[in-house]
């Protein structure tokens, strides 16, 4: 997967991927374009979990998502992170097993458009039932 970090801010940004390594293959000043792929270093990129993006510049990373799970890509700057500069990438296991990824717990809280999936607990005669 290719991820481009474009920094139009006036200060340096740092991005991090929790629990996974990626390869920084390119960086330059200005706007990233399709032609920027021609400058990528695909031969000897260094595996990292954090990278910097200079002001008015971009950084390109390649990540091989070959491990089942949910991976978090986020800004290291707390002000940016707080404002939502993060994304979760889910790598799905084609096998139907709970050894690599557990199902959503029954007590998970849903919000926004997912609120219709919220389960409510009802207790009756010492038993607790989850209903939608």
Foldseek 3Di string as FASTA:
>chain_A
DKDKDFAQDQAKWKKFKPPFWKFWFDKDAADDDPCRVVRGDPDDTDIDGMDMHGHRMMIMIGGDPPAADKMKMAIPPVVRVVVPRMDIDGDDDPDPDPPRPHDDDLCDQDDDPCNVVRWDWDDDPRDIDTDD
